[in-house]
């Protein structure tokens, strides 16, 4: 039952946040040109792709055995003890990858939406609402990408702490 609640929170929290952001954008009268959204969205897409790539490389580098076992057909016989010991860091890394992927998807769909509907009657009749929704999605994507970057920082910090602890341990063992 706990997993169902977690998924509800994972999906519900961003949707509620999007609703709140939409309301604030709509009532504040924020007006941004598509050119600005396009430029900013492009930068956000670049950051998202960079985080996605960097963290994917980190996961593949730090957990190659776990990845081989997961991708093989015989997962049950694998020893995931190393991955279990570092599960907090691994969850952080995978979390940043997932968030960055979702941000990239959101930005691409904002661009696609503009491309597909900008010449329709529906767009012209609902331009203010659609624009507010696009701005809200970009703001939410920015917040999510910020969280992803903080995950990257946390993951790198944990790596450095572990590296330092192992180095100190090896130095003490060498002194004996």
C-alpha atoms as a PDB file:
ATOM      1  CA  UNK A   1       0.000   0.000   0.000  1.00  0.00           C
ATOM      2  CA  UNK A   2       2.929   2.302   0.708  1.00  0.00           C
ATOM      3  CA  UNK A   3       4.079   2.230  -2.937  1.00  0.00           C
ATOM      4  CA  UNK A   4       0.665   3.410  -4.111  1.00  0.00           C
ATOM      5  CA  UNK A   5       0.863   6.354  -1.735  1.00  0.00           C
ATOM      6  CA  UNK A   6       4.384   7.213  -2.910  1.00  0.00           C
ATOM      7  CA  UNK A   7       3.307   7.259  -6.567  1.00  0.00           C
ATOM      8  CA  UNK A   8       0.324   9.416  -5.676  1.00  0.00           C
ATOM      9  CA  UNK A   9       2.698  11.858  -3.999  1.00  0.00           C
ATOM     10  CA  UNK A  10       5.170  11.753  -6.895  1.00  0.00           C
ATOM     11  CA  UNK A  11       2.457  12.508  -9.427  1.00  0.00           C
ATOM     12  CA  UNK A  12       0.128  14.573  -7.270  1.00  0.00           C
ATOM     13  CA  UNK A  13       2.645  17.014  -5.818  1.00  0.00           C
ATOM     14  CA  UNK A  14       3.862  18.283  -9.209  1.00  0.00           C
ATOM     15  CA  UNK A  15       0.293  18.530 -10.512  1.00  0.00           C
ATOM     16  CA  UNK A  16      -0.827  20.502  -7.466  1.00  0.00           C
ATOM     17  CA  UNK A  17       2.295  22.654  -7.800  1.00  0.00           C
ATOM     18  CA  UNK A  18       1.508  23.236 -11.464  1.00  0.00           C
ATOM     19  CA  UNK A  19      -2.026  24.289 -10.536  1.00  0.00           C
ATOM     20  CA  UNK A  20      -0.752  26.746  -7.931  1.00  0.00           C
ATOM     21  CA  UNK A  21       1.879  28.138 -10.291  1.00  0.00           C
ATOM     22  CA  UNK A  22      -0.730  28.472 -13.053  1.00  0.00           C
ATOM     23  CA  UNK A  23      -3.042  30.385 -10.726  1.00  0.00           C
ATOM     24  CA  UNK A  24      -0.222  32.703  -9.647  1.00  0.00           C
ATOM     25  CA  UNK A  25       0.936  33.312 -13.221  1.00  0.00           C
ATOM     26  CA  UNK A  26      -2.619  33.921 -14.416  1.00  0.00           C
ATOM     27  CA  UNK A  27      -3.546  36.305 -11.606  1.00  0.00           C
ATOM     28  CA  UNK A  28      -0.222  38.177 -11.604  1.00  0.00           C
ATOM     29  CA  UNK A  29      -0.504  39.065 -15.261  1.00  0.00           C
ATOM     30  CA  UNK A  30       2.960  37.777 -16.153  1.00  0.00           C
ATOM     31  CA  UNK A  31       3.382  38.059 -19.875  1.00  0.00           C
ATOM     32  CA  UNK A  32       6.387  36.506 -21.581  1.00  0.00           C
ATOM     33  CA  UNK A  33       7.033  36.285 -25.292  1.00  0.00           C
ATOM     34  CA  UNK A  34       7.405  32.941 -27.011  1.00  0.00           C
ATOM     35  CA  UNK A  35      10.923  33.953 -28.050  1.00  0.00           C
ATOM     36  CA  UNK A  36      11.865  34.302 -24.372  1.00  0.00           C
ATOM     37  CA  UNK A  37      10.278  30.967 -23.497  1.00  0.00           C
ATOM     38  CA  UNK A  38      12.033  29.358 -26.457  1.00  0.00           C
ATOM     39  CA  UNK A  39      15.441  30.721 -25.414  1.00  0.00           C
ATOM     40  CA  UNK A  40      14.966  29.806 -21.775  1.00  0.00           C
ATOM     41  CA  UNK A  41      13.479  26.418 -22.649  1.00  0.00           C
ATOM     42  CA  UNK A  42      16.491  25.682 -24.831  1.00  0.00           C
ATOM     43  CA  UNK A  43      18.831  26.479 -21.957  1.00  0.00           C
ATOM     44  CA  UNK A  44      16.731  24.351 -19.601  1.00  0.00           C
ATOM     45  CA  UNK A  45      16.829  21.505 -22.114  1.00  0.00           C
ATOM     46  CA  UNK A  46      20.635  21.780 -22.285  1.00  0.00           C
ATOM     47  CA  UNK A  47      20.973  21.682 -18.495  1.00  0.00           C
ATOM     48  CA  UNK A  48      18.589  18.747 -18.305  1.00  0.00           C
ATOM     49  CA  UNK A  49      20.514  16.829 -20.951  1.00  0.00           C
ATOM     50  CA  UNK A  50      23.814  17.545 -19.200  1.00  0.00           C
ATOM     51  CA  UNK A  51      22.578  16.342 -15.821  1.00  0.00           C
ATOM     52  CA  UNK A  52      20.977  13.286 -17.430  1.00  0.00           C
ATOM     53  CA  UNK A  53      24.240  12.404 -19.181  1.00  0.00           C
ATOM     54  CA  UNK A  54      26.586  13.111 -16.279  1.00  0.00           C
ATOM     55  CA  UNK A  55      24.540  11.167 -13.755  1.00  0.00           C
ATOM     56  CA  UNK A  56      24.035   8.290 -16.194  1.00  0.00           C
ATOM     57  CA  UNK A  57      27.807   8.045 -16.577  1.00  0.00           C
ATOM     58  CA  UNK A  58      28.253   8.173 -12.797  1.00  0.00           C
ATOM     59  CA  UNK A  59      25.786   5.327 -12.283  1.00  0.00           C
ATOM     60  CA  UNK A  60      27.434   3.222 -14.988  1.00  0.00           C
ATOM     61  CA  UNK A  61      30.896   3.942 -13.548  1.00  0.00           C
ATOM     62  CA  UNK A  62      30.119   3.394  -9.864  1.00  0.00           C
ATOM     63  CA  UNK A  63      27.744   0.439 -10.223  1.00  0.00           C
ATOM     64  CA  UNK A  64      28.797  -1.528 -13.309  1.00  0.00           C
ATOM     65  CA  UNK A  65      28.193  -4.934 -11.715  1.00  0.00           C
ATOM     66  CA  UNK A  66      24.714  -3.998 -10.560  1.00  0.00           C
ATOM     67  CA  UNK A  67      23.851  -2.710 -14.040  1.00  0.00           C
ATOM     68  CA  UNK A  68      25.082  -5.921 -15.662  1.00  0.00           C
ATOM     69  CA  UNK A  69      23.012  -8.018 -13.266  1.00  0.00           C
ATOM     70  CA  UNK A  70      19.918  -5.883 -13.703  1.00  0.00           C
ATOM     71  CA  UNK A  71      20.104  -6.051 -17.489  1.00  0.00           C
ATOM     72  CA  UNK A  72      20.735  -9.808 -17.518  1.00  0.00           C
ATOM     73  CA  UNK A  73      17.846 -12.267 -17.514  1.00  0.00           C
ATOM     74  CA  UNK A  74      18.858 -13.814 -14.169  1.00  0.00           C
ATOM     75  CA  UNK A  75      18.432 -10.954 -11.690  1.00  0.00           C
ATOM     76  CA  UNK A  76      17.637 -13.131  -8.672  1.00  0.00           C
ATOM     77  CA  UNK A  77      21.113 -14.654  -8.503  1.00  0.00           C
ATOM     78  CA  UNK A  78      22.884 -11.277  -8.413  1.00  0.00           C
ATOM     79  CA  UNK A  79      24.646  -9.952  -5.351  1.00  0.00           C
ATOM     80  CA  UNK A  80      23.513  -6.386  -4.840  1.00  0.00           C
ATOM     81  CA  UNK A  81      25.193  -5.909  -1.446  1.00  0.00           C
ATOM     82  CA  UNK A  82      27.488  -3.160  -2.755  1.00  0.00           C
ATOM     83  CA  UNK A  83      24.556  -1.323  -4.270  1.00  0.00           C
ATOM     84  CA  UNK A  84      22.560  -1.773  -1.039  1.00  0.00           C
ATOM     85  CA  UNK A  85      25.375  -0.196   0.957  1.00  0.00           C
ATOM     86  CA  UNK A  86      25.262   2.850  -1.296  1.00  0.00           C
ATOM     87  CA  UNK A  87      21.528   2.826  -1.947  1.00  0.00           C
ATOM     88  CA  UNK A  88      21.079   6.400  -0.751  1.00  0.00           C
ATOM     89  CA  UNK A  89      23.573   7.697  -3.294  1.00  0.00           C
ATOM     90  CA  UNK A  90      22.202   5.441  -6.014  1.00  0.00           C
ATOM     91  CA  UNK A  91      18.626   6.622  -5.344  1.00  0.00           C
ATOM     92  CA  UNK A  92      19.832  10.213  -5.512  1.00  0.00           C
ATOM     93  CA  UNK A  93      21.606   9.596  -8.803  1.00  0.00           C
ATOM     94  CA  UNK A  94      18.708   7.777 -10.412  1.00  0.00           C
ATOM     95  CA  UNK A  95      16.309  10.395  -9.052  1.00  0.00           C
ATOM     96  CA  UNK A  96      18.260  13.168 -10.755  1.00  0.00           C
ATOM     97  CA  UNK A  97      18.255  11.206 -14.018  1.00  0.00           C
ATOM     98  CA  UNK A  98      14.486  10.696 -13.871  1.00  0.00           C
ATOM     99  CA  UNK A  99      13.782  14.330 -12.998  1.00  0.00           C
ATOM    100  CA  UNK A 100      16.041  15.575 -15.785  1.00  0.00           C
ATOM    101  CA  UNK A 101      14.329  13.272 -18.259  1.00  0.00           C
ATOM    102  CA  UNK A 102      10.901  14.532 -17.177  1.00  0.00           C
ATOM    103  CA  UNK A 103      12.049  18.149 -17.479  1.00  0.00           C
ATOM    104  CA  UNK A 104      13.321  17.465 -20.996  1.00  0.00           C
ATOM    105  CA  UNK A 105      10.002  15.863 -21.919  1.00  0.00           C
ATOM    106  CA  UNK A 106       8.046  18.821 -20.507  1.00  0.00           C
ATOM    107  CA  UNK A 107      10.094  21.380 -22.426  1.00  0.00           C
ATOM    108  CA  UNK A 108       9.860  19.414 -25.662  1.00  0.00           C
ATOM    109  CA  UNK A 109       6.082  19.163 -25.295  1.00  0.00           C
ATOM    110  CA  UNK A 110       5.774  22.907 -24.663  1.00  0.00           C
ATOM    111  CA  UNK A 111       7.659  23.507 -27.916  1.00  0.00           C
ATOM    112  CA  UNK A 112       5.627  20.866 -29.751  1.00  0.00           C
ATOM    113  CA  UNK A 113       2.374  22.294 -28.424  1.00  0.00           C
ATOM    114  CA  UNK A 114       3.254  25.756 -29.650  1.00  0.00           C
ATOM    115  CA  UNK A 115       4.211  24.371 -33.048  1.00  0.00           C
ATOM    116  CA  UNK A 116       1.048  22.324 -33.473  1.00  0.00           C
ATOM    117  CA  UNK A 117      -1.638  24.653 -32.152  1.00  0.00           C
ATOM    118  CA  UNK A 118      -0.354  28.189 -32.747  1.00  0.00           C
ATOM    119  CA  UNK A 119      -2.308  28.587 -35.975  1.00  0.00           C
ATOM    120  CA  UNK A 120      -5.570  27.080 -34.711  1.00  0.00           C
ATOM    121  CA  UNK A 121      -8.737  28.852 -33.681  1.00  0.00           C
ATOM    122  CA  UNK A 122      -8.518  27.108 -30.299  1.00  0.00           C
ATOM    123  CA  UNK A 123      -5.143  28.753 -29.642  1.00  0.00           C
ATOM    124  CA  UNK A 124      -6.370  32.204 -30.631  1.00  0.00           C
ATOM    125  CA  UNK A 125      -9.505  31.844 -28.483  1.00  0.00           C
ATOM    126  CA  UNK A 126      -7.516  30.606 -25.439  1.00  0.00           C
ATOM    127  CA  UNK A 127      -4.166  32.302 -25.997  1.00  0.00           C
ATOM    128  CA  UNK A 128      -3.862  33.832 -22.524  1.00  0.00           C
ATOM    129  CA  UNK A 129      -4.598  30.544 -20.738  1.00  0.00           C
ATOM    130  CA  UNK A 130      -2.304  28.521 -23.000  1.00  0.00           C
ATOM    131  CA  UNK A 131       0.492  31.041 -22.539  1.00  0.00           C
ATOM    132  CA  UNK A 132       0.004  30.992 -18.767  1.00  0.00           C
ATOM    133  CA  UNK A 133       0.085  27.190 -18.811  1.00  0.00           C
ATOM    134  CA  UNK A 134       3.302  27.154 -20.853  1.00  0.00           C
ATOM    135  CA  UNK A 135       4.939  29.647 -18.478  1.00  0.00           C
ATOM    136  CA  UNK A 136       3.747  27.570 -15.511  1.00  0.00           C
ATOM    137  CA  UNK A 137       5.189  24.375 -16.987  1.00  0.00           C
ATOM    138  CA  UNK A 138       8.529  26.108 -17.572  1.00  0.00           C
ATOM    139  CA  UNK A 139       8.565  27.450 -13.995  1.00  0.00           C
ATOM    140  CA  UNK A 140       7.756  23.995 -12.590  1.00  0.00           C
ATOM    141  CA  UNK A 141      10.377  22.401 -14.846  1.00  0.00           C
ATOM    142  CA  UNK A 142      12.908  24.923 -13.556  1.00  0.00           C
ATOM    143  CA  UNK A 143      12.071  24.044  -9.948  1.00  0.00           C
ATOM    144  CA  UNK A 144      12.351  20.321 -10.710  1.00  0.00           C
ATOM    145  CA  UNK A 145      15.648  20.803 -12.550  1.00  0.00           C
ATOM    146  CA  UNK A 146      16.954  22.755  -9.561  1.00  0.00           C
ATOM    147  CA  UNK A 147      16.092  19.776  -7.353  1.00  0.00           C
ATOM    148  CA  UNK A 148      17.891  17.510  -9.802  1.00  0.00           C
ATOM    149  CA  UNK A 149      20.999  19.693  -9.693  1.00  0.00           C
ATOM    150  CA  UNK A 150      20.878  19.637  -5.888  1.00  0.00           C
ATOM    151  CA  UNK A 151      20.741  15.818  -6.131  1.00  0.00           C
ATOM    152  CA  UNK A 152      23.878  15.954  -8.281  1.00  0.00           C
ATOM    153  CA  UNK A 153      25.614  18.122  -5.703  1.00  0.00           C
ATOM    154  CA  UNK A 154      24.524  15.786  -2.893  1.00  0.00           C
ATOM    155  CA  UNK A 155      25.674  12.727  -4.792  1.00  0.00           C
ATOM    156  CA  UNK A 156      29.076  14.226  -5.521  1.00  0.00           C
ATOM    157  CA  UNK A 157      29.421  15.328  -1.918  1.00  0.00           C
ATOM    158  CA  UNK A 158      28.636  11.804  -0.681  1.00  0.00           C
ATOM    159  CA  UNK A 159      31.173  10.425  -3.151  1.00  0.00           C
ATOM    160  CA  UNK A 160      33.861  12.796  -1.863  1.00  0.00           C
ATOM    161  CA  UNK A 161      33.078  11.956   1.765  1.00  0.00           C
ATOM    162  CA  UNK A 162      33.291   8.231   1.018  1.00  0.00           C
ATOM    163  CA  UNK A 163      36.488   8.734  -0.984  1.00  0.00           C
ATOM    164  CA  UNK A 164      38.063  10.696   1.885  1.00  0.00           C
ATOM    165  CA  UNK A 165      37.014   8.082   4.461  1.00  0.00           C
ATOM    166  CA  UNK A 166      38.496   5.264   2.378  1.00  0.00           C
ATOM    167  CA  UNK A 167      41.701   7.227   1.784  1.00  0.00           C
ATOM    168  CA  UNK A 168      42.117   7.887   5.509  1.00  0.00           C
ATOM    169  CA  UNK A 169      41.404   4.228   6.277  1.00  0.00           C
ATOM    170  CA  UNK A 170      44.007   3.066   3.739  1.00  0.00           C
ATOM    171  CA  UNK A 171      46.574   5.531   5.086  1.00  0.00           C
ATOM    172  CA  UNK A 172      46.016   4.210   8.627  1.00  0.00           C
ATOM    173  CA  UNK A 173      46.342   0.608   7.410  1.00  0.00           C
ATOM    174  CA  UNK A 174      49.562   1.495   5.564  1.00  0.00           C
ATOM    175  CA  UNK A 175      50.980   3.051   8.733  1.00  0.00           C
ATOM    176  CA  UNK A 176      50.465  -0.177  10.676  1.00  0.00           C
END
